[in-house]
Amino acid sequence: MGRCYRGHNPVCSFSPISGEGSAITGGRFNRNGEATLYLSLDI
């Protein structure tokens, strides 16, 4: 099993793996209301 990394805004650090921030405004690969967690295999 590998390791994944995620950069996040410290304001949202109370729940850094929720994906709720992307649900508020939508993102590159998700629509509004759809929580998405963006990860990377490299730092």
Protein backbone atom coordinates (compact mmCIF):
# COMPACT_ATOMS: atom_id res chain seq x y z
CA MET A 1 0.00 0.00 0.00
CA GLY A 2 1.37 3.44 -0.91
CA ARG A 3 1.34 6.81 0.76
CA CYS A 4 -0.71 9.75 -0.52
CA TYR A 5 -0.28 13.46 0.22
CA ARG A 6 -2.73 16.30 0.39
CA GLY A 7 -2.15 20.02 0.67
CA HIS A 8 -4.94 21.85 2.46
CA ASN A 9 -5.83 25.23 3.84
CA PRO A 10 -5.05 25.43 7.60
CA VAL A 11 -8.48 27.03 8.09
CA CYS A 12 -9.99 23.64 7.19
CA SER A 13 -7.51 21.59 9.23
CA PHE A 14 -10.22 20.52 11.69
CA SER A 15 -11.30 17.97 9.06
CA PRO A 16 -8.53 17.72 6.44
CA ILE A 17 -9.75 14.54 4.74
CA SER A 18 -13.45 15.41 4.49
CA GLY A 19 -13.47 16.92 0.97
CA GLU A 20 -16.25 19.27 2.08
CA GLY A 21 -14.40 22.39 0.91
CA SER A 22 -14.55 21.24 -2.70
CA ALA A 23 -18.29 20.58 -2.31
CA ILE A 24 -18.95 24.24 -1.48
CA THR A 25 -17.65 25.75 -4.71
CA GLY A 26 -16.98 22.76 -6.93
CA GLY A 27 -13.54 22.01 -8.25
CA ARG A 28 -11.58 20.82 -11.22
CA PHE A 29 -13.16 17.34 -11.22
CA ASN A 30 -16.34 17.75 -9.18
CA ARG A 31 -19.60 19.69 -9.22
CA ASN A 32 -21.07 21.89 -6.48
CA GLY A 33 -22.37 19.74 -3.64
CA GLU A 34 -20.06 16.82 -4.49
CA ALA A 35 -17.26 16.31 -1.94
CA THR A 36 -13.94 15.32 -3.53
CA LEU A 37 -10.58 14.56 -2.01
CA TYR A 38 -7.61 15.56 -4.20
CA LEU A 39 -4.46 13.54 -3.47
CA SER A 40 -0.98 13.17 -4.90
CA LEU A 41 1.56 10.37 -4.83
CA ASP A 42 4.42 12.93 -4.66
CA ILE A 43 4.88 15.84 -2.28
